[in-house]
Amino acid sequence: MQDREEAEKQANFNTWHKEPVLKTPSPFEKQMSVIYTHEVFKKFQVEVLGLPGTRIFKETKDNQITTFEISDFEKNEEFVVEWDASKEEISCLCRSFEFNGWISL
């Protein structure tokens, strides 16, 4: 019990006095690094590493079609992706998202 308490005190100290190592250029990862404790952040990082440094912004929704703007920070590129709910299809002119499956709906 005492070891567990000591480990918790050390984790709290590290959270307040040390910055965790960022593994991607994602602004989302950076933001979460200051919100989560280090232990929770490490678990979060496992999920983040599955995604490239991207930002997904919902632009419009028109009946069955939803349009997203995707920014790839690593490649400094932007894409427009459409999701057709009636057909359950995602499309992009570059076809990158159909092959990589970056959008999780």
PDB file of N, CA and C in Angstrom:
ATOM      1  N   MET A   1       0.830  -1.186   0.000  1.00  0.00           N
ATOM      2  CA  MET A   1       0.000   0.000   0.000  1.00  0.00           C
ATOM      3  C   MET A   1       0.881   1.259   0.000  1.00  0.00           C
ATOM      4  N   GLN A   2       1.930   1.225   0.795  1.00  0.00           N
ATOM      5  CA  GLN A   2       2.821   2.368   0.887  1.00  0.00           C
ATOM      6  C   GLN A   2       3.546   2.603  -0.447  1.00  0.00           C
ATOM      7  N   ASP A   3       3.910   1.520  -1.131  1.00  0.00           N
ATOM      8  CA  ASP A   3       4.568   1.651  -2.442  1.00  0.00           C
ATOM      9  C   ASP A   3       3.631   2.296  -3.461  1.00  0.00           C
ATOM     10  N   ARG A   4       2.386   1.901  -3.414  1.00  0.00           N
ATOM     11  CA  ARG A   4       1.389   2.471  -4.334  1.00  0.00           C
ATOM     12  C   ARG A   4       1.204   3.962  -4.067  1.00  0.00           C
ATOM     13  N   GLU A   5       1.152   4.322  -2.805  1.00  0.00           N
ATOM     14  CA  GLU A   5       0.998   5.731  -2.428  1.00  0.00           C
ATOM     15  C   GLU A   5       2.212   6.553  -2.873  1.00  0.00           C
ATOM     16  N   GLU A   6       3.392   5.982  -2.708  1.00  0.00           N
ATOM     17  CA  GLU A   6       4.623   6.663  -3.120  1.00  0.00           C
ATOM     18  C   GLU A   6       4.658   6.843  -4.646  1.00  0.00           C
ATOM     19  N   ALA A   7       4.233   5.812  -5.377  1.00  0.00           N
ATOM     20  CA  ALA A   7       4.190   5.901  -6.839  1.00  0.00           C
ATOM     21  C   ALA A   7       3.207   6.971  -7.293  1.00  0.00           C
ATOM     22  N   GLU A   8       2.080   7.078  -6.598  1.00  0.00           N
ATOM     23  CA  GLU A   8       1.090   8.110  -6.927  1.00  0.00           C
ATOM     24  C   GLU A   8       1.642   9.509  -6.653  1.00  0.00           C
ATOM     25  N   LYS A   9       2.359   9.661  -5.542  1.00  0.00           N
ATOM     26  CA  LYS A   9       2.965  10.960  -5.236  1.00  0.00           C
ATOM     27  C   LYS A   9       4.007  11.337  -6.294  1.00  0.00           C
ATOM     28  N   GLN A  10       4.796  10.362  -6.736  1.00  0.00           N
ATOM     29  CA  GLN A  10       5.805  10.615  -7.772  1.00  0.00           C
ATOM     30  C   GLN A  10       5.135  10.990  -9.088  1.00  0.00           C
ATOM     31  N   ALA A  11       4.050  10.300  -9.432  1.00  0.00           N
ATOM     32  CA  ALA A  11       3.321  10.610 -10.667  1.00  0.00           C
ATOM     33  C   ALA A  11       2.754  12.023 -10.616  1.00  0.00           C
ATOM     34  N   ASN A  12       2.211  12.415  -9.472  1.00  0.00           N
ATOM     35  CA  ASN A  12       1.684  13.779  -9.319  1.00  0.00           C
ATOM     36  C   ASN A  12       2.796  14.810  -9.452  1.00  0.00           C
ATOM     37  N   PHE A  13       3.934  14.537  -8.833  1.00  0.00           N
ATOM     38  CA  PHE A  13       5.077  15.446  -8.939  1.00  0.00           C
ATOM     39  C   PHE A  13       5.504  15.595 -10.396  1.00  0.00           C
ATOM     40  N   ASN A  14       5.626  14.478 -11.105  1.00  0.00           N
ATOM     41  CA  ASN A  14       6.035  14.517 -12.516  1.00  0.00           C
ATOM     42  C   ASN A  14       5.040  15.288 -13.367  1.00  0.00           C
ATOM     43  N   THR A  15       3.763  15.139 -13.071  1.00  0.00           N
ATOM     44  CA  THR A  15       2.734  15.836 -13.843  1.00  0.00           C
ATOM     45  C   THR A  15       2.876  17.340 -13.705  1.00  0.00           C
ATOM     46  N   TRP A  16       3.204  17.809 -12.508  1.00  0.00           N
ATOM     47  CA  TRP A  16       3.292  19.249 -12.277  1.00  0.00           C
ATOM     48  C   TRP A  16       4.652  19.844 -12.621  1.00  0.00           C
ATOM     49  N   HIS A  17       5.720  19.025 -12.644  1.00  0.00           N
ATOM     50  CA  HIS A  17       7.065  19.577 -12.783  1.00  0.00           C
ATOM     51  C   HIS A  17       7.834  19.122 -14.022  1.00  0.00           C
ATOM     52  N   LYS A  18       7.328  18.174 -14.757  1.00  0.00           N
ATOM     53  CA  LYS A  18       8.028  17.690 -15.945  1.00  0.00           C
ATOM     54  C   LYS A  18       7.059  17.653 -17.113  1.00  0.00           C
ATOM     55  N   GLU A  19       7.562  18.004 -18.291  1.00  0.00           N
ATOM     56  CA  GLU A  19       6.728  17.940 -19.489  1.00  0.00           C
ATOM     57  C   GLU A  19       6.904  16.581 -20.150  1.00  0.00           C
ATOM     58  N   PRO A  20       5.803  15.958 -20.573  1.00  0.00           N
ATOM     59  CA  PRO A  20       5.934  14.674 -21.260  1.00  0.00           C
ATOM     60  C   PRO A  20       6.531  14.865 -22.658  1.00  0.00           C
ATOM     61  N   VAL A  21       7.111  13.821 -23.193  1.00  0.00           N
ATOM     62  CA  VAL A  21       7.702  13.866 -24.520  1.00  0.00           C
ATOM     63  C   VAL A  21       6.601  13.735 -25.563  1.00  0.00           C
ATOM     64  N   LEU A  22       6.533  14.710 -26.482  1.00  0.00           N
ATOM     65  CA  LEU A  22       5.566  14.654 -27.575  1.00  0.00           C
ATOM     66  C   LEU A  22       6.148  13.805 -28.697  1.00  0.00           C
ATOM     67  N   LYS A  23       5.303  12.990 -29.321  1.00  0.00           N
ATOM     68  CA  LYS A  23       5.779  12.076 -30.355  1.00  0.00           C
ATOM     69  C   LYS A  23       5.272  12.424 -31.742  1.00  0.00           C
ATOM     70  N   THR A  24       4.422  13.445 -31.847  1.00  0.00           N
ATOM     71  CA  THR A  24       3.909  13.879 -33.143  1.00  0.00           C
ATOM     72  C   THR A  24       3.892  15.404 -33.192  1.00  0.00           C
ATOM     73  N   PRO A  25       3.731  15.978 -34.400  1.00  0.00           N
ATOM     74  CA  PRO A  25       3.603  17.433 -34.494  1.00  0.00           C
ATOM     75  C   PRO A  25       2.165  17.911 -34.256  1.00  0.00           C
ATOM     76  N   SER A  26       1.305  17.041 -33.819  1.00  0.00           N
ATOM     77  CA  SER A  26      -0.112  17.353 -33.653  1.00  0.00           C
ATOM     78  C   SER A  26      -0.354  18.364 -32.535  1.00  0.00           C
ATOM     79  N   PRO A  27      -1.053  19.461 -32.839  1.00  0.00           N
ATOM     80  CA  PRO A  27      -1.422  20.423 -31.788  1.00  0.00           C
ATOM     81  C   PRO A  27      -2.356  19.781 -30.758  1.00  0.00           C
ATOM     82  N   PHE A  28      -3.130  18.792 -31.189  1.00  0.00           N
ATOM     83  CA  PHE A  28      -4.046  18.088 -30.285  1.00  0.00           C
ATOM     84  C   PHE A  28      -3.250  17.340 -29.217  1.00  0.00           C
ATOM     85  N   GLU A  29      -2.173  16.668 -29.633  1.00  0.00           N
ATOM     86  CA  GLU A  29      -1.337  15.953 -28.663  1.00  0.00           C
ATOM     87  C   GLU A  29      -0.728  16.943 -27.664  1.00  0.00           C
ATOM     88  N   LYS A  30      -0.247  18.071 -28.167  1.00  0.00           N
ATOM     89  CA  LYS A  30       0.364  19.084 -27.295  1.00  0.00           C
ATOM     90  C   LYS A  30      -0.651  19.598 -26.280  1.00  0.00           C
ATOM     91  N   GLN A  31      -1.868  19.863 -26.729  1.00  0.00           N
ATOM     92  CA  GLN A  31      -2.910  20.366 -25.840  1.00  0.00           C
ATOM     93  C   GLN A  31      -3.229  19.344 -24.745  1.00  0.00           C
ATOM     94  N   MET A  32      -3.341  18.085 -25.123  1.00  0.00           N
ATOM     95  CA  MET A  32      -3.683  17.047 -24.150  1.00  0.00           C
ATOM     96  C   MET A  32      -2.539  16.786 -23.175  1.00  0.00           C
ATOM     97  N   SER A  33      -1.295  17.095 -23.575  1.00  0.00           N
ATOM     98  CA  SER A  33      -0.144  16.859 -22.696  1.00  0.00           C
ATOM     99  C   SER A  33      -0.189  17.736 -21.452  1.00  0.00           C
ATOM    100  N   VAL A  34      -0.869  18.864 -21.524  1.00  0.00           N
ATOM    101  CA  VAL A  34      -0.968  19.741 -20.355  1.00  0.00           C
ATOM    102  C   VAL A  34      -2.262  19.524 -19.571  1.00  0.00           C
ATOM    103  N   ILE A  35      -3.176  18.764 -20.138  1.00  0.00           N
ATOM    104  CA  ILE A  35      -4.450  18.505 -19.463  1.00  0.00           C
ATOM    105  C   ILE A  35      -4.406  17.201 -18.665  1.00  0.00           C
ATOM    106  N   TYR A  36      -3.880  16.139 -19.291  1.00  0.00           N
ATOM    107  CA  TYR A  36      -3.854  14.823 -18.660  1.00  0.00           C
ATOM    108  C   TYR A  36      -2.649  14.656 -17.739  1.00  0.00           C
ATOM    109  N   THR A  37      -2.786  13.746 -16.768  1.00  0.00           N
ATOM    110  CA  THR A  37      -1.615  13.333 -15.999  1.00  0.00           C
ATOM    111  C   THR A  37      -0.704  12.569 -16.953  1.00  0.00           C
ATOM    112  N   HIS A  38       0.547  12.374 -16.573  1.00  0.00           N
ATOM    113  CA  HIS A  38       1.492  11.692 -17.457  1.00  0.00           C
ATOM    114  C   HIS A  38       1.043  10.263 -17.767  1.00  0.00           C
ATOM    115  N   GLU A  39       0.523   9.570 -16.781  1.00  0.00           N
ATOM    116  CA  GLU A  39       0.095   8.184 -17.011  1.00  0.00           C
ATOM    117  C   GLU A  39      -1.071   8.114 -17.988  1.00  0.00           C
ATOM    118  N   VAL A  40      -2.050   8.979 -17.812  1.00  0.00           N
ATOM    119  CA  VAL A  40      -3.193   9.004 -18.732  1.00  0.00           C
ATOM    120  C   VAL A  40      -2.734   9.475 -20.108  1.00  0.00           C
ATOM    121  N   PHE A  41      -1.825  10.444 -20.135  1.00  0.00           N
ATOM    122  CA  PHE A  41      -1.321  10.955 -21.407  1.00  0.00           C
ATOM    123  C   PHE A  41      -0.596   9.866 -22.200  1.00  0.00           C
ATOM    124  N   LYS A  42       0.157   9.005 -21.522  1.00  0.00           N
ATOM    125  CA  LYS A  42       0.839   7.907 -22.212  1.00  0.00           C
ATOM    126  C   LYS A  42      -0.167   6.991 -22.895  1.00  0.00           C
ATOM    127  N   LYS A  43      -1.278   6.722 -22.239  1.00  0.00           N
ATOM    128  CA  LYS A  43      -2.331   5.898 -22.849  1.00  0.00           C
ATOM    129  C   LYS A  43      -2.949   6.625 -24.030  1.00  0.00           C
ATOM    130  N   PHE A  44      -3.162   7.922 -23.868  1.00  0.00           N
ATOM    131  CA  PHE A  44      -3.705   8.740 -24.961  1.00  0.00           C
ATOM    132  C   PHE A  44      -2.761   8.729 -26.158  1.00  0.00           C
ATOM    133  N   GLN A  45      -1.449   8.807 -25.904  1.00  0.00           N
ATOM    134  CA  GLN A  45      -0.454   8.839 -26.978  1.00  0.00           C
ATOM    135  C   GLN A  45      -0.508   7.598 -27.847  1.00  0.00           C
ATOM    136  N   VAL A  46      -0.774   6.468 -27.250  1.00  0.00           N
ATOM    137  CA  VAL A  46      -0.880   5.227 -28.022  1.00  0.00           C
ATOM    138  C   VAL A  46      -1.948   5.390 -29.101  1.00  0.00           C
ATOM    139  N   GLU A  47      -3.048   6.031 -28.742  1.00  0.00           N
ATOM    140  CA  GLU A  47      -4.123   6.264 -29.712  1.00  0.00           C
ATOM    141  C   GLU A  47      -3.723   7.309 -30.747  1.00  0.00           C
ATOM    142  N   VAL A  48      -3.068   8.364 -30.306  1.00  0.00           N
ATOM    143  CA  VAL A  48      -2.662   9.454 -31.202  1.00  0.00           C
ATOM    144  C   VAL A  48      -1.671   8.974 -32.247  1.00  0.00           C
ATOM    145  N   LEU A  49      -0.774   8.079 -31.851  1.00  0.00           N
ATOM    146  CA  LEU A  49       0.251   7.615 -32.780  1.00  0.00           C
ATOM    147  C   LEU A  49      -0.338   6.844 -33.951  1.00  0.00           C
ATOM    148  N   GLY A  50      -1.575   6.414 -33.815  1.00  0.00           N
ATOM    149  CA  GLY A  50      -2.245   5.751 -34.931  1.00  0.00           C
ATOM    150  C   GLY A  50      -2.720   6.732 -35.998  1.00  0.00           C
ATOM    151  N   LEU A  51      -2.687   8.004 -35.696  1.00  0.00           N
ATOM    152  CA  LEU A  51      -3.125   9.041 -36.632  1.00  0.00           C
ATOM    153  C   LEU A  51      -1.950   9.903 -37.049  1.00  0.00           C
ATOM    154  N   PRO A  52      -1.924  10.362 -38.272  1.00  0.00           N
ATOM    155  CA  PRO A  52      -0.901  11.357 -38.624  1.00  0.00           C
ATOM    156  C   PRO A  52      -1.281  12.696 -37.992  1.00  0.00           C
ATOM    157  N   GLY A  53      -0.412  13.667 -38.069  1.00  0.00           N
ATOM    158  CA  GLY A  53      -0.702  14.991 -37.516  1.00  0.00           C
ATOM    159  C   GLY A  53      -1.749  15.692 -38.364  1.00  0.00           C
ATOM    160  N   THR A  54      -2.996  15.451 -38.060  1.00  0.00           N
ATOM    161  CA  THR A  54      -4.086  16.020 -38.857  1.00  0.00           C
ATOM    162  C   THR A  54      -5.064  16.788 -37.983  1.00  0.00           C
ATOM    163  N   ARG A  55      -5.847  17.639 -38.656  1.00  0.00           N
ATOM    164  CA  ARG A  55      -6.967  18.336 -38.028  1.00  0.00           C
ATOM    165  C   ARG A  55      -8.163  18.113 -38.936  1.00  0.00           C
ATOM    166  N   ILE A  56      -9.259  17.666 -38.375  1.00  0.00           N
ATOM    167  CA  ILE A  56     -10.478  17.426 -39.156  1.00  0.00           C
ATOM    168  C   ILE A  56     -11.511  18.447 -38.714  1.00  0.00           C
ATOM    169  N   PHE A  57     -12.024  19.210 -39.673  1.00  0.00           N
ATOM    170  CA  PHE A  57     -12.989  20.261 -39.391  1.00  0.00           C
ATOM    171  C   PHE A  57     -14.244  20.007 -40.221  1.00  0.00           C
ATOM    172  N   LYS A  58     -15.391  19.916 -39.570  1.00  0.00           N
ATOM    173  CA  LYS A  58     -16.664  19.705 -40.257  1.00  0.00           C
ATOM    174  C   LYS A  58     -17.106  21.026 -40.857  1.00  0.00           C
ATOM    175  N   GLU A  59     -17.148  21.087 -42.178  1.00  0.00           N
ATOM    176  CA  GLU A  59     -17.476  22.330 -42.866  1.00  0.00           C
ATOM    177  C   GLU A  59     -18.983  22.522 -43.021  1.00  0.00           C
ATOM    178  N   THR A  60     -19.625  21.590 -43.712  1.00  0.00           N
ATOM    179  CA  THR A  60     -21.054  21.745 -43.990  1.00  0.00           C
ATOM    180  C   THR A  60     -21.756  20.399 -43.924  1.00  0.00           C
ATOM    181  N   LYS A  61     -23.058  20.475 -43.743  1.00  0.00           N
ATOM    182  CA  LYS A  61     -23.897  19.290 -43.814  1.00  0.00           C
ATOM    183  C   LYS A  61     -25.103  19.663 -44.652  1.00  0.00           C
ATOM    184  N   ASP A  62     -25.269  18.951 -45.762  1.00  0.00           N
ATOM    185  CA  ASP A  62     -26.353  19.234 -46.699  1.00  0.00           C
ATOM    186  C   ASP A  62     -27.137  17.952 -46.921  1.00  0.00           C
ATOM    187  N   ASN A  63     -28.288  17.826 -46.283  1.00  0.00           N
ATOM    188  CA  ASN A  63     -29.098  16.615 -46.332  1.00  0.00           C
ATOM    189  C   ASN A  63     -28.272  15.396 -45.940  1.00  0.00           C
ATOM    190  N   GLN A  64     -27.871  14.580 -46.908  1.00  0.00           N
ATOM    191  CA  GLN A  64     -27.144  13.348 -46.626  1.00  0.00           C
ATOM    192  C   GLN A  64     -25.625  13.500 -46.729  1.00  0.00           C
ATOM    193  N   ILE A  65     -25.131  14.629 -47.274  1.00  0.00           N
ATOM    194  CA  ILE A  65     -23.700  14.786 -47.517  1.00  0.00           C
ATOM    195  C   ILE A  65     -23.085  15.746 -46.495  1.00  0.00           C
ATOM    196  N   THR A  66     -22.047  15.282 -45.830  1.00  0.00           N
ATOM    197  CA  THR A  66     -21.298  16.094 -44.881  1.00  0.00           C
ATOM    198  C   THR A  66     -19.907  16.319 -45.450  1.00  0.00           C
ATOM    199  N   THR A  67     -19.460  17.572 -45.456  1.00  0.00           N
ATOM    200  CA  THR A  67     -18.151  17.923 -46.003  1.00  0.00           C
ATOM    201  C   THR A  67     -17.193  18.242 -44.862  1.00  0.00           C
ATOM    202  N   PHE A  68     -15.976  17.679 -44.954  1.00  0.00           N
ATOM    203  CA  PHE A  68     -14.927  17.897 -43.961  1.00  0.00           C
ATOM    204  C   PHE A  68     -13.708  18.504 -44.625  1.00  0.00           C
ATOM    205  N   GLU A  69     -13.027  19.389 -43.905  1.00  0.00           N
ATOM    206  CA  GLU A  69     -11.726  19.894 -44.338  1.00  0.00           C
ATOM    207  C   GLU A  69     -10.683  19.223 -43.451  1.00  0.00           C
ATOM    208  N   ILE A  70      -9.714  18.564 -44.080  1.00  0.00           N
ATOM    209  CA  ILE A  70      -8.667  17.865 -43.352  1.00  0.00           C
ATOM    210  C   ILE A  70      -7.341  18.539 -43.626  1.00  0.00           C
ATOM    211  N   SER A  71      -6.635  18.917 -42.555  1.00  0.00           N
ATOM    212  CA  SER A  71      -5.299  19.500 -42.675  1.00  0.00           C
ATOM    213  C   SER A  71      -4.285  18.482 -42.189  1.00  0.00           C
ATOM    214  N   ASP A  72      -3.307  18.197 -43.022  1.00  0.00           N
ATOM    215  CA  ASP A  72      -2.222  17.287 -42.664  1.00  0.00           C
ATOM    216  C   ASP A  72      -1.016  18.146 -42.320  1.00  0.00           C
ATOM    217  N   PHE A  73      -0.673  18.219 -41.026  1.00  0.00           N
ATOM    218  CA  PHE A  73       0.411  19.090 -40.569  1.00  0.00           C
ATOM    219  C   PHE A  73       1.787  18.583 -40.970  1.00  0.00           C
ATOM    220  N   GLU A  74       1.943  17.257 -41.112  1.00  0.00           N
ATOM    221  CA  GLU A  74       3.237  16.704 -41.493  1.00  0.00           C
ATOM    222  C   GLU A  74       3.588  17.044 -42.930  1.00  0.00           C
ATOM    223  N   LYS A  75       2.586  16.974 -43.819  1.00  0.00           N
ATOM    224  CA  LYS A  75       2.823  17.234 -45.238  1.00  0.00           C
ATOM    225  C   LYS A  75       2.446  18.652 -45.644  1.00  0.00           C
ATOM    226  N   ASN A  76       1.873  19.405 -44.703  1.00  0.00           N
ATOM    227  CA  ASN A  76       1.420  20.769 -44.971  1.00  0.00           C
ATOM    228  C   ASN A  76       0.458  20.806 -46.167  1.00  0.00           C
ATOM    229  N   GLU A  77      -0.536  19.917 -46.136  1.00  0.00           N
ATOM    230  CA  GLU A  77      -1.534  19.820 -47.199  1.00  0.00           C
ATOM    231  C   GLU A  77      -2.931  19.882 -46.595  1.00  0.00           C
ATOM    232  N   GLU A  78      -3.888  20.270 -47.439  1.00  0.00           N
ATOM    233  CA  GLU A  78      -5.283  20.273 -47.017  1.00  0.00           C
ATOM    234  C   GLU A  78      -6.112  19.507 -48.033  1.00  0.00           C
ATOM    235  N   PHE A  79      -7.153  18.833 -47.544  1.00  0.00           N
ATOM    236  CA  PHE A  79      -8.023  18.037 -48.394  1.00  0.00           C
ATOM    237  C   PHE A  79      -9.470  18.335 -48.040  1.00  0.00           C
ATOM    238  N   VAL A  80     -10.343  18.161 -48.995  1.00  0.00           N
ATOM    239  CA  VAL A  80     -11.772  18.250 -48.746  1.00  0.00           C
ATOM    240  C   VAL A  80     -12.338  16.858 -48.980  1.00  0.00           C
ATOM    241  N   VAL A  81     -13.048  16.362 -47.973  1.00  0.00           N
ATOM    242  CA  VAL A  81     -13.589  15.008 -48.013  1.00  0.00           C
ATOM    243  C   VAL A  81     -15.089  15.096 -47.812  1.00  0.00           C
ATOM    244  N   GLU A  82     -15.825  14.271 -48.554  1.00  0.00           N
ATOM    245  CA  GLU A  82     -17.280  14.238 -48.418  1.00  0.00           C
ATOM    246  C   GLU A  82     -17.717  12.860 -47.931  1.00  0.00           C
ATOM    247  N   TRP A  83     -18.683  12.887 -47.007  1.00  0.00           N
ATOM    248  CA  TRP A  83     -19.277  11.654 -46.510  1.00  0.00           C
ATOM    249  C   TRP A  83     -20.735  11.654 -46.932  1.00  0.00           C
ATOM    250  N   ASP A  84     -21.124  10.662 -47.705  1.00  0.00           N
ATOM    251  CA  ASP A  84     -22.501  10.504 -48.153  1.00  0.00           C
ATOM    252  C   ASP A  84     -23.147   9.463 -47.252  1.00  0.00           C
ATOM    253  N   ALA A  85     -23.968   9.914 -46.312  1.00  0.00           N
ATOM    254  CA  ALA A  85     -24.585   9.019 -45.332  1.00  0.00           C
ATOM    255  C   ALA A  85     -25.539   8.031 -45.980  1.00  0.00           C
ATOM    256  N   SER A  86     -26.234   8.452 -47.049  1.00  0.00           N
ATOM    257  CA  SER A  86     -27.195   7.558 -47.686  1.00  0.00           C
ATOM    258  C   SER A  86     -26.508   6.360 -48.345  1.00  0.00           C
ATOM    259  N   LYS A  87     -25.292   6.564 -48.845  1.00  0.00           N
ATOM    260  CA  LYS A  87     -24.534   5.476 -49.493  1.00  0.00           C
ATOM    261  C   LYS A  87     -23.467   4.888 -48.567  1.00  0.00           C
ATOM    262  N   GLU A  88     -23.265   5.550 -47.403  1.00  0.00           N
ATOM    263  CA  GLU A  88     -22.206   5.178 -46.477  1.00  0.00           C
ATOM    264  C   GLU A  88     -20.856   5.155 -47.184  1.00  0.00           C
ATOM    265  N   GLU A  89     -20.577   6.227 -47.940  1.00  0.00           N
ATOM    266  CA  GLU A  89     -19.347   6.342 -48.702  1.00  0.00           C
ATOM    267  C   GLU A  89     -18.593   7.612 -48.328  1.00  0.00           C
ATOM    268  N   ILE A  90     -17.280   7.496 -48.302  1.00  0.00           N
ATOM    269  CA  ILE A  90     -16.398   8.640 -48.088  1.00  0.00           C
ATOM    270  C   ILE A  90     -15.580   8.813 -49.351  1.00  0.00           C
ATOM    271  N   SER A  91     -15.517  10.057 -49.837  1.00  0.00           N
ATOM    272  CA  SER A  91     -14.757  10.276 -51.071  1.00  0.00           C
ATOM    273  C   SER A  91     -13.921  11.541 -50.987  1.00  0.00           C
ATOM    274  N   CYS A  92     -12.796  11.495 -51.681  1.00  0.00           N
ATOM    275  CA  CYS A  92     -11.871  12.611 -51.777  1.00  0.00           C
ATOM    276  C   CYS A  92     -11.218  12.520 -53.146  1.00  0.00           C
ATOM    277  N   LEU A  93     -10.962  13.661 -53.777  1.00  0.00           N
ATOM    278  CA  LEU A  93     -10.349  13.632 -55.102  1.00  0.00           C
ATOM    279  C   LEU A  93      -9.002  12.918 -55.113  1.00  0.00           C
ATOM    280  N   CYS A  94      -8.241  13.058 -54.057  1.00  0.00           N
ATOM    281  CA  CYS A  94      -6.912  12.436 -54.003  1.00  0.00           C
ATOM    282  C   CYS A  94      -6.994  10.934 -53.727  1.00  0.00           C
ATOM    283  N   ARG A  95      -8.127  10.441 -53.251  1.00  0.00           N
ATOM    284  CA  ARG A  95      -8.360   9.040 -52.895  1.00  0.00           C
ATOM    285  C   ARG A  95      -7.512   8.564 -51.711  1.00  0.00           C
ATOM    286  N   SER A  96      -6.754   9.455 -51.112  1.00  0.00           N
ATOM    287  CA  SER A  96      -5.909   9.075 -49.991  1.00  0.00           C
ATOM    288  C   SER A  96      -6.731   8.563 -48.808  1.00  0.00           C
ATOM    289  N   PHE A  97      -7.859   9.171 -48.547  1.00  0.00           N
ATOM    290  CA  PHE A  97      -8.643   8.802 -47.388  1.00  0.00           C
ATOM    291  C   PHE A  97      -9.380   7.483 -47.579  1.00  0.00           C
ATOM    292  N   GLU A  98      -9.730   7.144 -48.811  1.00  0.00           N
ATOM    293  CA  GLU A  98     -10.336   5.843 -49.058  1.00  0.00           C
ATOM    294  C   GLU A  98      -9.334   4.729 -48.776  1.00  0.00           C
ATOM    295  N   PHE A  99      -8.084   4.956 -49.105  1.00  0.00           N
ATOM    296  CA  PHE A  99      -7.042   3.947 -48.931  1.00  0.00           C
ATOM    297  C   PHE A  99      -6.491   3.914 -47.513  1.00  0.00           C
ATOM    298  N   ASN A 100      -6.331   5.080 -46.884  1.00  0.00           N
ATOM    299  CA  ASN A 100      -5.724   5.139 -45.553  1.00  0.00           C
ATOM    300  C   ASN A 100      -6.727   5.002 -44.423  1.00  0.00           C
ATOM    301  N   GLY A 101      -7.998   5.327 -44.688  1.00  0.00           N
ATOM    302  CA  GLY A 101      -9.022   5.222 -43.672  1.00  0.00           C
ATOM    303  C   GLY A 101      -8.835   6.161 -42.498  1.00  0.00           C
ATOM    304  N   TRP A 102      -8.430   7.390 -42.750  1.00  0.00           N
ATOM    305  CA  TRP A 102      -8.147   8.347 -41.679  1.00  0.00           C
ATOM    306  C   TRP A 102      -9.377   8.885 -40.998  1.00  0.00           C
ATOM    307  N   ILE A 103     -10.509   8.890 -41.673  1.00  0.00           N
ATOM    308  CA  ILE A 103     -11.707   9.456 -41.060  1.00  0.00           C
ATOM    309  C   ILE A 103     -12.469   8.339 -40.354  1.00  0.00           C
ATOM    310  N   SER A 104     -12.774   8.547 -39.111  1.00  0.00           N
ATOM    311  CA  SER A 104     -13.514   7.579 -38.316  1.00  0.00           C
ATOM    312  C   SER A 104     -14.875   8.174 -38.010  1.00  0.00           C
ATOM    313  N   LEU A 105     -15.895   7.656 -38.622  1.00  0.00           N
ATOM    314  CA  LEU A 105     -17.249   8.185 -38.415  1.00  0.00           C
ATOM    315  C   LEU A 105     -18.103   7.210 -37.665  1.00  0.00           C
TER     316      LEU A 105
END
